[in-house]
Amino acid sequence: MVESRASARIGRSRWLLLAAIGLCVLSLGMPWGITGAETGFVPGFYTAGSCIPEFSSGTMSCSPGFLAPGMVISGPGALGPGAGSPARVALVAAIVLILVGMRSASRAPLIIAALALTVAAVVYGSGLRSGTLVALLAAALLVMEWRRDRAPATRTAAA
């Protein structure tokens, strides 16, 4: 009976880690961005026309003015997929660390992956876009798995 609980625990553990990997991959395709830096505005300008007198004909040669309207450009926080943001480094590193944690007996890579996801969410996703939230959910799954492994095992007395 003890072996079946242990194997069930390993099975649940594996599913949690696979779900965290899936959430990291999903986050790569979802929008990330920084709030307040979505767009920038480049102001327009006006160049006045000019007139030059032509003394030979007694007329004026004038050129019209030029108006360049302002434009809105995408800023560093514009919505873009996680694969296009600097957060992709942390997302891919977290996936690799989860895979290392699944293969090794040590659970340290799991907490490092959770920290990498959290730092990426704070630094590159302060707007709490959907990609950021999914990455934080993956980090929460990793912390749950790490804490479950640290919990002392309960023993039941055999009758």
C-alpha atoms as a PDB file:
ATOM      1  CA  MET A   1       0.000   0.000   0.000  1.00  0.00           C
ATOM      2  CA  VAL A   2       2.916   2.326   0.709  1.00  0.00           C
ATOM      3  CA  GLU A   3       4.334   1.668  -2.768  1.00  0.00           C
ATOM      4  CA  SER A   4       1.042   2.511  -4.438  1.00  0.00           C
ATOM      5  CA  ARG A   5       0.905   5.868  -2.608  1.00  0.00           C
ATOM      6  CA  ALA A   6       4.496   6.595  -3.602  1.00  0.00           C
ATOM      7  CA  SER A   7       3.848   5.705  -7.225  1.00  0.00           C
ATOM      8  CA  ALA A   8       0.643   7.762  -7.204  1.00  0.00           C
ATOM      9  CA  ARG A   9       2.617  10.675  -5.790  1.00  0.00           C
ATOM     10  CA  ILE A  10       5.229  10.342  -8.532  1.00  0.00           C
ATOM     11  CA  GLY A  11       2.454  10.177 -11.131  1.00  0.00           C
ATOM     12  CA  ARG A  12       0.797  13.356  -9.789  1.00  0.00           C
ATOM     13  CA  SER A  13       4.180  14.992  -9.599  1.00  0.00           C
ATOM     14  CA  ARG A  14       4.875  14.171 -13.227  1.00  0.00           C
ATOM     15  CA  TRP A  15       1.524  15.600 -14.323  1.00  0.00           C
ATOM     16  CA  LEU A  16       2.135  18.819 -12.400  1.00  0.00           C
ATOM     17  CA  LEU A  17       5.511  19.246 -14.038  1.00  0.00           C
ATOM     18  CA  LEU A  18       4.152  18.458 -17.501  1.00  0.00           C
ATOM     19  CA  ALA A  19       1.360  20.981 -16.925  1.00  0.00           C
ATOM     20  CA  ALA A  20       3.971  23.590 -15.943  1.00  0.00           C
ATOM     21  CA  ILE A  21       5.918  22.871 -19.145  1.00  0.00           C
ATOM     22  CA  GLY A  22       2.705  23.195 -21.161  1.00  0.00           C
ATOM     23  CA  LEU A  23       1.916  26.516 -19.513  1.00  0.00           C
ATOM     24  CA  CYS A  24       5.411  27.805 -20.308  1.00  0.00           C
ATOM     25  CA  VAL A  25       5.001  26.839 -23.959  1.00  0.00           C
ATOM     26  CA  LEU A  26       1.542  28.419 -24.002  1.00  0.00           C
ATOM     27  CA  SER A  27       2.959  31.602 -22.493  1.00  0.00           C
ATOM     28  CA  LEU A  28       5.432  31.862 -25.380  1.00  0.00           C
ATOM     29  CA  GLY A  29       2.497  32.444 -27.728  1.00  0.00           C
ATOM     30  CA  MET A  30       0.494  34.804 -25.529  1.00  0.00           C
ATOM     31  CA  PRO A  31       0.862  38.598 -25.232  1.00  0.00           C
ATOM     32  CA  TRP A  32       3.498  40.089 -22.947  1.00  0.00           C
ATOM     33  CA  GLY A  33       4.226  43.785 -22.455  1.00  0.00           C
ATOM     34  CA  ILE A  34       4.965  46.630 -20.084  1.00  0.00           C
ATOM     35  CA  THR A  35       2.089  48.873 -19.035  1.00  0.00           C
ATOM     36  CA  GLY A  36       2.428  52.506 -20.003  1.00  0.00           C
ATOM     37  CA  ALA A  37       4.934  51.940 -22.784  1.00  0.00           C
ATOM     38  CA  GLU A  38       2.601  50.508 -25.419  1.00  0.00           C
ATOM     39  CA  THR A  39       2.970  53.413 -27.821  1.00  0.00           C
ATOM     40  CA  GLY A  40       5.021  56.501 -28.392  1.00  0.00           C
ATOM     41  CA  PHE A  41       4.096  59.711 -30.192  1.00  0.00           C
ATOM     42  CA  VAL A  42       6.428  61.479 -32.580  1.00  0.00           C
ATOM     43  CA  PRO A  43       5.146  65.055 -32.976  1.00  0.00           C
ATOM     44  CA  GLY A  44       4.630  66.451 -36.432  1.00  0.00           C
ATOM     45  CA  PHE A  45       6.128  69.640 -37.830  1.00  0.00           C
ATOM     46  CA  TYR A  46       5.343  72.422 -40.306  1.00  0.00           C
ATOM     47  CA  THR A  47       7.791  73.993 -42.693  1.00  0.00           C
ATOM     48  CA  ALA A  48       6.622  77.384 -43.945  1.00  0.00           C
ATOM     49  CA  GLY A  49       6.586  78.130 -47.609  1.00  0.00           C
ATOM     50  CA  SER A  50       8.991  80.618 -49.113  1.00  0.00           C
ATOM     51  CA  CYS A  51       8.804  83.198 -51.847  1.00  0.00           C
ATOM     52  CA  ILE A  52      11.687  84.395 -53.965  1.00  0.00           C
ATOM     53  CA  PRO A  53      11.315  87.484 -56.124  1.00  0.00           C
ATOM     54  CA  GLU A  54      12.250  87.088 -59.763  1.00  0.00           C
ATOM     55  CA  PHE A  55      13.516  90.493 -60.783  1.00  0.00           C
ATOM     56  CA  SER A  56      13.770  89.703 -64.473  1.00  0.00           C
ATOM     57  CA  SER A  57      10.060  89.028 -64.862  1.00  0.00           C
ATOM     58  CA  GLY A  58       8.841  91.132 -61.958  1.00  0.00           C
ATOM     59  CA  THR A  59       7.028  88.189 -60.311  1.00  0.00           C
ATOM     60  CA  MET A  60       7.393  86.103 -57.201  1.00  0.00           C
ATOM     61  CA  SER A  61       8.196  82.386 -57.249  1.00  0.00           C
ATOM     62  CA  CYS A  62       6.600  80.772 -54.193  1.00  0.00           C
ATOM     63  CA  SER A  63       6.813  77.234 -52.856  1.00  0.00           C
ATOM     64  CA  PRO A  64       4.083  75.879 -50.609  1.00  0.00           C
ATOM     65  CA  GLY A  65       4.652  74.926 -46.986  1.00  0.00           C
ATOM     66  CA  PHE A  66       4.887  71.348 -45.854  1.00  0.00           C
ATOM     67  CA  LEU A  67       2.921  69.763 -43.029  1.00  0.00           C
ATOM     68  CA  ALA A  68       4.156  66.457 -41.581  1.00  0.00           C
ATOM     69  CA  PRO A  69       1.581  65.012 -39.195  1.00  0.00           C
ATOM     70  CA  GLY A  70       2.661  63.286 -36.006  1.00  0.00           C
ATOM     71  CA  MET A  71       2.623  59.527 -35.802  1.00  0.00           C
ATOM     72  CA  VAL A  72       2.031  56.903 -33.182  1.00  0.00           C
ATOM     73  CA  ILE A  73       4.662  54.181 -33.058  1.00  0.00           C
ATOM     74  CA  SER A  74       4.856  50.955 -31.089  1.00  0.00           C
ATOM     75  CA  GLY A  75       6.823  51.291 -27.889  1.00  0.00           C
ATOM     76  CA  PRO A  76       8.812  48.693 -25.970  1.00  0.00           C
ATOM     77  CA  GLY A  77       5.700  47.600 -24.107  1.00  0.00           C
ATOM     78  CA  ALA A  78       3.576  47.020 -27.190  1.00  0.00           C
ATOM     79  CA  LEU A  79       1.644  43.785 -27.124  1.00  0.00           C
ATOM     80  CA  GLY A  80       3.633  40.983 -28.590  1.00  0.00           C
ATOM     81  CA  PRO A  81       3.936  37.249 -28.058  1.00  0.00           C
ATOM     82  CA  GLY A  82       6.225  35.920 -25.391  1.00  0.00           C
ATOM     83  CA  ALA A  83       8.392  34.447 -28.132  1.00  0.00           C
ATOM     84  CA  GLY A  84       9.116  38.004 -29.295  1.00  0.00           C
ATOM     85  CA  SER A  85       9.821  39.507 -25.895  1.00  0.00           C
ATOM     86  CA  PRO A  86      12.957  39.237 -23.775  1.00  0.00           C
ATOM     87  CA  ALA A  87      10.950  36.990 -21.427  1.00  0.00           C
ATOM     88  CA  ARG A  88      11.447  34.114 -23.865  1.00  0.00           C
ATOM     89  CA  VAL A  89      14.895  33.488 -22.380  1.00  0.00           C
ATOM     90  CA  ALA A  90      13.389  32.860 -18.941  1.00  0.00           C
ATOM     91  CA  LEU A  91      10.533  30.793 -20.388  1.00  0.00           C
ATOM     92  CA  VAL A  92      12.845  28.475 -22.323  1.00  0.00           C
ATOM     93  CA  ALA A  93      15.246  28.279 -19.366  1.00  0.00           C
ATOM     94  CA  ALA A  94      12.336  27.306 -17.111  1.00  0.00           C
ATOM     95  CA  ILE A  95      11.308  24.538 -19.522  1.00  0.00           C
ATOM     96  CA  VAL A  96      14.876  23.183 -19.546  1.00  0.00           C
ATOM     97  CA  LEU A  97      15.126  23.393 -15.747  1.00  0.00           C
ATOM     98  CA  ILE A  98      11.820  21.547 -15.314  1.00  0.00           C
ATOM     99  CA  LEU A  99      13.055  18.788 -17.609  1.00  0.00           C
ATOM    100  CA  VAL A 100      16.312  18.594 -15.605  1.00  0.00           C
ATOM    101  CA  GLY A 101      14.279  18.465 -12.383  1.00  0.00           C
ATOM    102  CA  MET A 102      12.174  15.616 -13.772  1.00  0.00           C
ATOM    103  CA  ARG A 103      15.266  13.590 -14.651  1.00  0.00           C
ATOM    104  CA  SER A 104      17.280  14.215 -11.484  1.00  0.00           C
ATOM    105  CA  ALA A 105      16.600  13.439  -7.867  1.00  0.00           C
ATOM    106  CA  SER A 106      17.200  17.056  -6.898  1.00  0.00           C
ATOM    107  CA  ARG A 107      14.248  19.431  -6.820  1.00  0.00           C
ATOM    108  CA  ALA A 108      16.429  22.568  -6.824  1.00  0.00           C
ATOM    109  CA  PRO A 109      15.917  23.116 -10.578  1.00  0.00           C
ATOM    110  CA  LEU A 110      12.173  23.411  -9.954  1.00  0.00           C
ATOM    111  CA  ILE A 111      12.505  26.305  -7.546  1.00  0.00           C
ATOM    112  CA  ILE A 112      15.062  27.974  -9.817  1.00  0.00           C
ATOM    113  CA  ALA A 113      12.605  27.640 -12.719  1.00  0.00           C
ATOM    114  CA  ALA A 114       9.830  29.148 -10.586  1.00  0.00           C
ATOM    115  CA  LEU A 115      12.112  32.047  -9.672  1.00  0.00           C
ATOM    116  CA  ALA A 116      13.048  32.589 -13.338  1.00  0.00           C
ATOM    117  CA  LEU A 117       9.363  32.712 -14.321  1.00  0.00           C
ATOM    118  CA  THR A 118       8.532  35.108 -11.498  1.00  0.00           C
ATOM    119  CA  VAL A 119      11.419  37.450 -12.324  1.00  0.00           C
ATOM    120  CA  ALA A 120      10.438  37.431 -16.014  1.00  0.00           C
ATOM    121  CA  ALA A 121       6.850  38.275 -15.090  1.00  0.00           C
ATOM    122  CA  VAL A 122       7.941  41.170 -12.871  1.00  0.00           C
ATOM    123  CA  VAL A 123      10.539  42.602 -15.249  1.00  0.00           C
ATOM    124  CA  TYR A 124       8.991  42.034 -18.667  1.00  0.00           C
ATOM    125  CA  GLY A 125       5.297  41.648 -17.982  1.00  0.00           C
ATOM    126  CA  SER A 126       4.310  44.291 -15.483  1.00  0.00           C
ATOM    127  CA  GLY A 127       1.022  44.818 -17.299  1.00  0.00           C
ATOM    128  CA  LEU A 128      -0.296  41.411 -16.183  1.00  0.00           C
ATOM    129  CA  ARG A 129      -1.148  40.399 -19.693  1.00  0.00           C
ATOM    130  CA  SER A 130      -2.334  36.872 -20.371  1.00  0.00           C
ATOM    131  CA  GLY A 131       1.167  35.538 -21.091  1.00  0.00           C
ATOM    132  CA  THR A 132       2.400  36.924 -17.788  1.00  0.00           C
ATOM    133  CA  LEU A 133      -0.467  35.364 -15.852  1.00  0.00           C
ATOM    134  CA  VAL A 134       0.060  31.966 -17.468  1.00  0.00           C
ATOM    135  CA  ALA A 135       3.788  32.101 -16.605  1.00  0.00           C
ATOM    136  CA  LEU A 136       2.926  32.961 -12.994  1.00  0.00           C
ATOM    137  CA  LEU A 137       0.503  30.023 -12.921  1.00  0.00           C
ATOM    138  CA  ALA A 138       3.311  27.736 -14.122  1.00  0.00           C
ATOM    139  CA  ALA A 139       5.528  29.123 -11.355  1.00  0.00           C
ATOM    140  CA  ALA A 140       2.777  28.406  -8.812  1.00  0.00           C
ATOM    141  CA  LEU A 141       2.567  24.788 -10.010  1.00  0.00           C
ATOM    142  CA  LEU A 142       6.324  24.443  -9.594  1.00  0.00           C
ATOM    143  CA  VAL A 143       6.217  25.840  -6.072  1.00  0.00           C
ATOM    144  CA  MET A 144       3.346  23.470  -5.223  1.00  0.00           C
ATOM    145  CA  GLU A 145       5.395  20.538  -6.475  1.00  0.00           C
ATOM    146  CA  TRP A 146       8.516  21.697  -4.636  1.00  0.00           C
ATOM    147  CA  ARG A 147       6.599  22.171  -1.367  1.00  0.00           C
ATOM    148  CA  ARG A 148       4.892  18.793  -1.685  1.00  0.00           C
ATOM    149  CA  ASP A 149       8.270  17.088  -1.941  1.00  0.00           C
ATOM    150  CA  ARG A 150       9.459  18.935   1.151  1.00  0.00           C
ATOM    151  CA  ALA A 151       6.428  17.938   3.231  1.00  0.00           C
ATOM    152  CA  PRO A 152       7.171  15.162   5.703  1.00  0.00           C
ATOM    153  CA  ALA A 153       5.658  11.829   4.786  1.00  0.00           C
ATOM    154  CA  THR A 154       2.795  10.687   6.982  1.00  0.00           C
ATOM    155  CA  ARG A 155       3.025   7.160   8.263  1.00  0.00           C
ATOM    156  CA  THR A 156       0.122   5.025   9.191  1.00  0.00           C
ATOM    157  CA  ALA A 157       0.433   2.217  11.713  1.00  0.00           C
ATOM    158  CA  ALA A 158      -0.311  -1.219  10.351  1.00  0.00           C
ATOM    159  CA  ALA A 159      -3.050  -3.004  12.272  1.00  0.00           C
END
